[in-house]
Amino acid sequence: MAKTSNANARLYSRYSREIYVCAKSGGIDPDGNLALRSLMERAKRDQVPTHVIEKAIDKAKGGAGEDFKPARYEGFGPGNCMVIVDCLTDNPNRTFGDVRLAFTKTKCKIGAQGSVVHMFDHLAIFVFAGDDEEAVLEALMMADVDVTDIECEDGKITVFAPHNEYFKAKQALLDGLGEIEFEVDEMQWLPQTETEISEDDKPMFDKFMAMLDDLDDVQNVYHNAVV
């Protein structure tokens, strides 16, 4: 029970920080700030309480508070897998030290900027119930969306598009297909290749991921490990 509570607290904290930054930079009105609206929808899907979302927006409305900035770290994790760590921080020196410690304590190597990111694709991903792949493709093509790929499996459709086509693709799907309940609606870094993690390296990989997960400044971790 305590473990679940801690995991929820970390999830709420990450969403709270991201919503605050998004509202502070783009405005507190979700109708005028599409990034905020999408973020709020995603938070609700992940069962983040309404009061957590509202508190973050109220904090942004006040204008004062922390000045969080994005920071990205790259490197090679256990088993030589490639790793991207995305953070929001009000103290880059502290965050870099904390992330670097997670690498060094697990005998891994943090790399320079650009050392592994070129081996990932930055994509907008949408997953929703459906089986009419052609209707989805037509809706996207009519809106002149640069589609990367569409997959249809087990009654679910997955759409991949370049990250800078995110809002255009989402609106095209809503306009062309009507009201959609998105199971996944976000931007992710997807690896172009995979690295198999051996049984010997697995405990260290788990420790590495747990250390990153414990850091308040870390928002997302992307890797190409197959465990």
C-alpha atoms as a PDB file:
ATOM      1  CA  MET A   1       0.000   0.000   0.000  1.00  0.00           C
ATOM      2  CA  ALA A   2       2.820   2.406   0.891  1.00  0.00           C
ATOM      3  CA  LYS A   3       4.558   1.527  -2.393  1.00  0.00           C
ATOM      4  CA  THR A   4       1.426   2.424  -4.375  1.00  0.00           C
ATOM      5  CA  SER A   5       1.057   5.655  -2.427  1.00  0.00           C
ATOM      6  CA  ASN A   6       4.668   6.643  -3.171  1.00  0.00           C
ATOM      7  CA  ALA A   7       4.260   5.833  -6.876  1.00  0.00           C
ATOM      8  CA  ASN A   8       1.093   7.954  -7.017  1.00  0.00           C
ATOM      9  CA  ALA A   9       2.821  10.840  -5.246  1.00  0.00           C
ATOM     10  CA  ARG A  10       5.638  10.791  -7.809  1.00  0.00           C
ATOM     11  CA  LEU A  11       3.154  10.634 -10.700  1.00  0.00           C
ATOM     12  CA  TYR A  12       1.122  13.557  -9.313  1.00  0.00           C
ATOM     13  CA  SER A  13       4.274  15.582  -8.696  1.00  0.00           C
ATOM     14  CA  ARG A  14       5.486  15.083 -12.277  1.00  0.00           C
ATOM     15  CA  TYR A  15       2.169  16.044 -13.799  1.00  0.00           C
ATOM     16  CA  SER A  16       1.868  19.008 -11.446  1.00  0.00           C
ATOM     17  CA  ARG A  17       5.261  20.336 -12.498  1.00  0.00           C
ATOM     18  CA  GLU A  18       4.599  19.795 -16.209  1.00  0.00           C
ATOM     19  CA  ILE A  19       1.134  21.410 -16.061  1.00  0.00           C
ATOM     20  CA  TYR A  20       2.556  24.382 -14.125  1.00  0.00           C
ATOM     21  CA  VAL A  21       5.325  24.955 -16.695  1.00  0.00           C
ATOM     22  CA  CYS A  22       2.943  24.523 -19.631  1.00  0.00           C
ATOM     23  CA  ALA A  23       0.331  26.905 -18.161  1.00  0.00           C
ATOM     24  CA  LYS A  24       2.943  29.476 -17.171  1.00  0.00           C
ATOM     25  CA  SER A  25       4.506  29.573 -20.636  1.00  0.00           C
ATOM     26  CA  GLY A  26       1.395  29.181 -22.839  1.00  0.00           C
ATOM     27  CA  GLY A  27      -1.466  30.551 -20.747  1.00  0.00           C
ATOM     28  CA  ILE A  28      -3.876  28.999 -18.239  1.00  0.00           C
ATOM     29  CA  ASP A  29      -6.852  28.659 -20.629  1.00  0.00           C
ATOM     30  CA  PRO A  30      -6.908  25.093 -22.060  1.00  0.00           C
ATOM     31  CA  ASP A  31      -8.955  26.294 -25.051  1.00  0.00           C
ATOM     32  CA  GLY A  32      -6.205  28.695 -26.024  1.00  0.00           C
ATOM     33  CA  ASN A  33      -3.309  26.478 -24.933  1.00  0.00           C
ATOM     34  CA  LEU A  34      -3.646  23.172 -26.799  1.00  0.00           C
ATOM     35  CA  ALA A  35      -0.543  21.707 -25.134  1.00  0.00           C
ATOM     36  CA  LEU A  36      -2.108  22.354 -21.721  1.00  0.00           C
ATOM     37  CA  ARG A  37      -5.423  20.832 -22.785  1.00  0.00           C
ATOM     38  CA  SER A  38      -3.723  17.651 -24.005  1.00  0.00           C
ATOM     39  CA  LEU A  39      -1.654  17.452 -20.838  1.00  0.00           C
ATOM     40  CA  MET A  40      -4.737  17.823 -18.640  1.00  0.00           C
ATOM     41  CA  GLU A  41      -6.548  15.100 -20.611  1.00  0.00           C
ATOM     42  CA  ARG A  42      -3.554  12.789 -20.202  1.00  0.00           C
ATOM     43  CA  ALA A  43      -3.374  13.530 -16.455  1.00  0.00           C
ATOM     44  CA  LYS A  44      -7.067  12.657 -16.060  1.00  0.00           C
ATOM     45  CA  ARG A  45      -6.549   9.389 -17.968  1.00  0.00           C
ATOM     46  CA  ASP A  46      -3.747   8.571 -15.527  1.00  0.00           C
ATOM     47  CA  GLN A  47      -6.191   9.282 -12.673  1.00  0.00           C
ATOM     48  CA  VAL A  48      -4.444  12.381 -11.377  1.00  0.00           C
ATOM     49  CA  PRO A  49      -6.934  14.069  -8.984  1.00  0.00           C
ATOM     50  CA  THR A  50      -8.622  17.251 -10.223  1.00  0.00           C
ATOM     51  CA  HIS A  51      -7.358  19.239  -7.221  1.00  0.00           C
ATOM     52  CA  VAL A  52      -3.728  18.468  -8.203  1.00  0.00           C
ATOM     53  CA  ILE A  53      -4.346  19.777 -11.738  1.00  0.00           C
ATOM     54  CA  GLU A  54      -6.195  22.879 -10.524  1.00  0.00           C
ATOM     55  CA  LYS A  55      -3.535  23.686  -7.929  1.00  0.00           C
ATOM     56  CA  ALA A  56      -0.805  23.608 -10.604  1.00  0.00           C
ATOM     57  CA  ILE A  57      -2.836  25.944 -12.856  1.00  0.00           C
ATOM     58  CA  ASP A  58      -3.599  28.309  -9.965  1.00  0.00           C
ATOM     59  CA  LYS A  59       0.098  28.427  -9.170  1.00  0.00           C
ATOM     60  CA  ALA A  60       0.863  29.369 -12.795  1.00  0.00           C
ATOM     61  CA  LYS A  61      -1.915  32.003 -12.681  1.00  0.00           C
ATOM     62  CA  GLY A  62      -0.141  33.702  -9.789  1.00  0.00           C
ATOM     63  CA  GLY A  63       2.931  34.162 -11.980  1.00  0.00           C
ATOM     64  CA  ALA A  64       5.353  33.671  -9.091  1.00  0.00           C
ATOM     65  CA  GLY A  65       6.993  30.423  -8.105  1.00  0.00           C
ATOM     66  CA  GLU A  66       9.819  28.296  -9.423  1.00  0.00           C
ATOM     67  CA  ASP A  67      11.302  28.829 -12.834  1.00  0.00           C
ATOM     68  CA  PHE A  68      11.546  25.290 -14.207  1.00  0.00           C
ATOM     69  CA  LYS A  69      13.419  24.665 -17.434  1.00  0.00           C
ATOM     70  CA  PRO A  70      13.687  21.510 -19.533  1.00  0.00           C
ATOM     71  CA  ALA A  71      16.958  19.581 -19.431  1.00  0.00           C
ATOM     72  CA  ARG A  72      17.850  16.457 -21.382  1.00  0.00           C
ATOM     73  CA  TYR A  73      20.627  14.002 -20.576  1.00  0.00           C
ATOM     74  CA  GLU A  74      21.812  11.124 -22.742  1.00  0.00           C
ATOM     75  CA  GLY A  75      24.067   8.155 -22.234  1.00  0.00           C
ATOM     76  CA  PHE A  76      24.574   4.426 -22.130  1.00  0.00           C
ATOM     77  CA  GLY A  77      22.884   2.378 -19.425  1.00  0.00           C
ATOM     78  CA  PRO A  78      23.436  -1.194 -18.192  1.00  0.00           C
ATOM     79  CA  GLY A  79      24.093  -3.681 -20.992  1.00  0.00           C
ATOM     80  CA  ASN A  80      25.144  -0.718 -23.174  1.00  0.00           C
ATOM     81  CA  CYS A  81      21.512   0.256 -23.867  1.00  0.00           C
ATOM     82  CA  MET A  82      20.877   3.819 -25.025  1.00  0.00           C
ATOM     83  CA  VAL A  83      19.059   6.164 -22.641  1.00  0.00           C
ATOM     84  CA  ILE A  84      17.414   9.605 -22.838  1.00  0.00           C
ATOM     85  CA  VAL A  85      16.442  11.296 -19.560  1.00  0.00           C
ATOM     86  CA  ASP A  86      14.067  14.276 -19.820  1.00  0.00           C
ATOM     87  CA  CYS A  87      13.853  16.584 -16.810  1.00  0.00           C
ATOM     88  CA  LEU A  88      12.206  19.795 -15.627  1.00  0.00           C
ATOM     89  CA  THR A  89      14.501  21.571 -13.210  1.00  0.00           C
ATOM     90  CA  ASP A  90      14.917  24.800 -11.274  1.00  0.00           C
ATOM     91  CA  ASN A  91      18.550  23.892 -10.541  1.00  0.00           C
ATOM     92  CA  PRO A  92      20.411  22.371 -13.539  1.00  0.00           C
ATOM     93  CA  ASN A  93      23.600  21.733 -11.544  1.00  0.00           C
ATOM     94  CA  ARG A  94      21.744  19.676  -8.939  1.00  0.00           C
ATOM     95  CA  THR A  95      19.784  17.764 -11.567  1.00  0.00           C
ATOM     96  CA  PHE A  96      22.866  16.958 -13.633  1.00  0.00           C
ATOM     97  CA  GLY A  97      24.643  15.727 -10.487  1.00  0.00           C
ATOM     98  CA  ASP A  98      21.704  13.526  -9.502  1.00  0.00           C
ATOM     99  CA  VAL A  99      21.294  12.022 -12.987  1.00  0.00           C
ATOM    100  CA  ARG A 100      25.043  11.483 -13.358  1.00  0.00           C
ATOM    101  CA  LEU A 101      25.092   9.678 -10.003  1.00  0.00           C
ATOM    102  CA  ALA A 102      22.440   7.237 -11.276  1.00  0.00           C
ATOM    103  CA  PHE A 103      24.728   6.472 -14.224  1.00  0.00           C
ATOM    104  CA  THR A 104      27.973   6.156 -12.246  1.00  0.00           C
ATOM    105  CA  LYS A 105      26.436   4.118  -9.364  1.00  0.00           C
ATOM    106  CA  THR A 106      25.319   1.519 -11.906  1.00  0.00           C
ATOM    107  CA  LYS A 107      28.651   1.512 -13.780  1.00  0.00           C
ATOM    108  CA  CYS A 108      27.170   3.383 -16.754  1.00  0.00           C
ATOM    109  CA  LYS A 109      28.301   6.362 -18.784  1.00  0.00           C
ATOM    110  CA  ILE A 110      26.496   9.659 -19.214  1.00  0.00           C
ATOM    111  CA  GLY A 111      27.236  11.053 -22.667  1.00  0.00           C
ATOM    112  CA  ALA A 112      27.487  14.423 -24.335  1.00  0.00           C
ATOM    113  CA  GLN A 113      24.420  16.101 -25.797  1.00  0.00           C
ATOM    114  CA  GLY A 114      23.511  14.369 -29.061  1.00  0.00           C
ATOM    115  CA  SER A 115      25.392  11.164 -28.234  1.00  0.00           C
ATOM    116  CA  VAL A 116      22.347   8.873 -28.529  1.00  0.00           C
ATOM    117  CA  VAL A 117      19.328  11.024 -29.425  1.00  0.00           C
ATOM    118  CA  HIS A 118      20.043  10.571 -33.146  1.00  0.00           C
ATOM    119  CA  MET A 119      19.225   6.865 -32.675  1.00  0.00           C
ATOM    120  CA  PHE A 120      15.660   7.687 -31.563  1.00  0.00           C
ATOM    121  CA  ASP A 121      12.686   9.088 -33.489  1.00  0.00           C
ATOM    122  CA  HIS A 122      10.702  11.874 -31.820  1.00  0.00           C
ATOM    123  CA  LEU A 123       7.099  10.976 -32.635  1.00  0.00           C
ATOM    124  CA  ALA A 124       3.508  11.871 -31.812  1.00  0.00           C
ATOM    125  CA  ILE A 125       1.652   8.668 -30.893  1.00  0.00           C
ATOM    126  CA  PHE A 126      -2.099   8.137 -30.721  1.00  0.00           C
ATOM    127  CA  VAL A 127      -3.777   4.861 -29.736  1.00  0.00           C
ATOM    128  CA  PHE A 128      -7.556   4.389 -29.826  1.00  0.00           C
ATOM    129  CA  ALA A 129     -10.186   1.708 -30.428  1.00  0.00           C
ATOM    130  CA  GLY A 130     -10.990   1.000 -34.084  1.00  0.00           C
ATOM    131  CA  ASP A 131     -10.309  -1.239 -37.045  1.00  0.00           C
ATOM    132  CA  ASP A 132     -10.838   0.998 -40.100  1.00  0.00           C
ATOM    133  CA  GLU A 133      -7.263   1.803 -41.005  1.00  0.00           C
ATOM    134  CA  GLU A 134      -8.268   3.321 -44.345  1.00  0.00           C
ATOM    135  CA  ALA A 135     -10.675   5.823 -42.751  1.00  0.00           C
ATOM    136  CA  VAL A 136      -7.917   6.911 -40.364  1.00  0.00           C
ATOM    137  CA  LEU A 137      -5.406   7.326 -43.184  1.00  0.00           C
ATOM    138  CA  GLU A 138      -7.930   9.284 -45.247  1.00  0.00           C
ATOM    139  CA  ALA A 139      -8.689  11.654 -42.332  1.00  0.00           C
ATOM    140  CA  LEU A 140      -4.985  12.340 -41.879  1.00  0.00           C
ATOM    141  CA  MET A 141      -4.254  12.715 -45.590  1.00  0.00           C
ATOM    142  CA  MET A 142      -7.192  15.122 -46.051  1.00  0.00           C
ATOM    143  CA  ALA A 143      -5.636  17.332 -43.371  1.00  0.00           C
ATOM    144  CA  ASP A 144      -2.233  17.029 -45.066  1.00  0.00           C
ATOM    145  CA  VAL A 145      -0.654  15.331 -42.033  1.00  0.00           C
ATOM    146  CA  ASP A 146       2.755  13.772 -42.627  1.00  0.00           C
ATOM    147  CA  VAL A 147       1.959  10.252 -41.336  1.00  0.00           C
ATOM    148  CA  THR A 148       4.923   8.087 -40.295  1.00  0.00           C
ATOM    149  CA  ASP A 149       2.984   4.837 -39.803  1.00  0.00           C
ATOM    150  CA  ILE A 150      -0.416   3.377 -38.902  1.00  0.00           C
ATOM    151  CA  GLU A 151      -0.845   0.015 -37.172  1.00  0.00           C
ATOM    152  CA  CYS A 152      -4.088  -1.874 -36.629  1.00  0.00           C
ATOM    153  CA  GLU A 153      -4.068  -4.773 -34.176  1.00  0.00           C
ATOM    154  CA  ASP A 154      -6.540  -6.372 -31.733  1.00  0.00           C
ATOM    155  CA  GLY A 155      -9.219  -3.746 -32.340  1.00  0.00           C
ATOM    156  CA  LYS A 156      -6.829  -0.859 -31.692  1.00  0.00           C
ATOM    157  CA  ILE A 157      -5.312   1.636 -34.094  1.00  0.00           C
ATOM    158  CA  THR A 158      -1.931   3.252 -33.472  1.00  0.00           C
ATOM    159  CA  VAL A 159      -0.952   6.356 -35.414  1.00  0.00           C
ATOM    160  CA  PHE A 160       2.643   7.597 -35.561  1.00  0.00           C
ATOM    161  CA  ALA A 161       3.420  11.095 -36.873  1.00  0.00           C
ATOM    162  CA  PRO A 162       6.391  13.493 -36.578  1.00  0.00           C
ATOM    163  CA  HIS A 163       6.355  15.292 -33.212  1.00  0.00           C
ATOM    164  CA  ASN A 164       5.857  18.684 -34.866  1.00  0.00           C
ATOM    165  CA  GLU A 165       2.626  17.367 -36.464  1.00  0.00           C
ATOM    166  CA  TYR A 166       1.138  16.447 -33.069  1.00  0.00           C
ATOM    167  CA  PHE A 167      -1.666  19.020 -32.846  1.00  0.00           C
ATOM    168  CA  LYS A 168      -2.458  18.849 -36.554  1.00  0.00           C
ATOM    169  CA  ALA A 169      -2.703  15.041 -36.437  1.00  0.00           C
ATOM    170  CA  LYS A 170      -4.860  15.017 -33.300  1.00  0.00           C
ATOM    171  CA  GLN A 171      -7.288  17.578 -34.726  1.00  0.00           C
ATOM    172  CA  ALA A 172      -7.461  15.669 -38.027  1.00  0.00           C
ATOM    173  CA  LEU A 173      -8.401  12.466 -36.180  1.00  0.00           C
ATOM    174  CA  LEU A 174     -11.095  14.243 -34.147  1.00  0.00           C
ATOM    175  CA  ASP A 175     -12.484  16.046 -37.210  1.00  0.00           C
ATOM    176  CA  GLY A 176     -12.441  12.960 -39.421  1.00  0.00           C
ATOM    177  CA  LEU A 177     -13.558  10.284 -36.969  1.00  0.00           C
ATOM    178  CA  GLY A 178     -15.685  12.158 -34.449  1.00  0.00           C
ATOM    179  CA  GLU A 179     -15.297  11.806 -30.678  1.00  0.00           C
ATOM    180  CA  ILE A 180     -12.332   9.539 -29.913  1.00  0.00           C
ATOM    181  CA  GLU A 181     -11.258   8.160 -26.547  1.00  0.00           C
ATOM    182  CA  PHE A 182      -7.469   8.163 -26.800  1.00  0.00           C
ATOM    183  CA  GLU A 183      -5.679   5.474 -24.794  1.00  0.00           C
ATOM    184  CA  VAL A 184      -2.334   7.039 -25.689  1.00  0.00           C
ATOM    185  CA  ASP A 185      -1.985  10.648 -26.804  1.00  0.00           C
ATOM    186  CA  GLU A 186       1.552  11.951 -26.371  1.00  0.00           C
ATOM    187  CA  MET A 187       4.988  12.582 -27.804  1.00  0.00           C
ATOM    188  CA  GLN A 188       7.696  10.000 -27.198  1.00  0.00           C
ATOM    189  CA  TRP A 189      11.239   9.147 -28.214  1.00  0.00           C
ATOM    190  CA  LEU A 190      11.108   5.722 -29.910  1.00  0.00           C
ATOM    191  CA  PRO A 191      14.376   3.816 -30.450  1.00  0.00           C
ATOM    192  CA  GLN A 192      15.387   2.828 -33.981  1.00  0.00           C
ATOM    193  CA  THR A 193      17.156  -0.294 -32.681  1.00  0.00           C
ATOM    194  CA  GLU A 194      16.852  -2.492 -29.586  1.00  0.00           C
ATOM    195  CA  THR A 195      19.429  -3.800 -27.121  1.00  0.00           C
ATOM    196  CA  GLU A 196      18.817  -7.111 -25.358  1.00  0.00           C
ATOM    197  CA  ILE A 197      19.628  -6.918 -21.639  1.00  0.00           C
ATOM    198  CA  SER A 198      21.260 -10.083 -20.331  1.00  0.00           C
ATOM    199  CA  GLU A 199      20.203 -11.776 -17.085  1.00  0.00           C
ATOM    200  CA  ASP A 200      23.512 -10.628 -15.562  1.00  0.00           C
ATOM    201  CA  ASP A 201      22.809  -6.977 -16.416  1.00  0.00           C
ATOM    202  CA  LYS A 202      19.125  -7.009 -15.463  1.00  0.00           C
ATOM    203  CA  PRO A 203      19.548  -6.294 -11.693  1.00  0.00           C
ATOM    204  CA  MET A 204      21.763  -3.307 -12.509  1.00  0.00           C
ATOM    205  CA  PHE A 205      19.271  -2.091 -15.132  1.00  0.00           C
ATOM    206  CA  ASP A 206      16.443  -2.298 -12.571  1.00  0.00           C
ATOM    207  CA  LYS A 207      18.547  -0.376 -10.039  1.00  0.00           C
ATOM    208  CA  PHE A 208      19.398   2.274 -12.657  1.00  0.00           C
ATOM    209  CA  MET A 209      15.726   2.795 -13.575  1.00  0.00           C
ATOM    210  CA  ALA A 210      14.686   2.880  -9.893  1.00  0.00           C
ATOM    211  CA  MET A 211      17.308   5.552  -9.128  1.00  0.00           C
ATOM    212  CA  LEU A 212      16.074   7.731 -11.994  1.00  0.00           C
ATOM    213  CA  ASP A 213      12.455   7.154 -10.965  1.00  0.00           C
ATOM    214  CA  ASP A 214      13.243   8.428  -7.462  1.00  0.00           C
ATOM    215  CA  LEU A 215      14.475  11.794  -8.779  1.00  0.00           C
ATOM    216  CA  ASP A 216      11.851  14.542  -8.574  1.00  0.00           C
ATOM    217  CA  ASP A 217      13.322  16.429 -11.545  1.00  0.00           C
ATOM    218  CA  VAL A 218      13.075  13.455 -13.927  1.00  0.00           C
ATOM    219  CA  GLN A 219       9.898  13.555 -16.028  1.00  0.00           C
ATOM    220  CA  ASN A 220      10.487  10.754 -18.549  1.00  0.00           C
ATOM    221  CA  VAL A 221      13.089   8.103 -19.305  1.00  0.00           C
ATOM    222  CA  TYR A 222      13.347   6.587 -22.792  1.00  0.00           C
ATOM    223  CA  HIS A 223      15.596   3.633 -23.635  1.00  0.00           C
ATOM    224  CA  ASN A 224      16.088   0.902 -26.204  1.00  0.00           C
ATOM    225  CA  ALA A 225      16.524  -1.939 -23.687  1.00  0.00           C
ATOM    226  CA  VAL A 226      14.648  -5.209 -24.089  1.00  0.00           C
ATOM    227  CA  VAL A 227      14.529  -6.792 -20.644  1.00  0.00           C
END
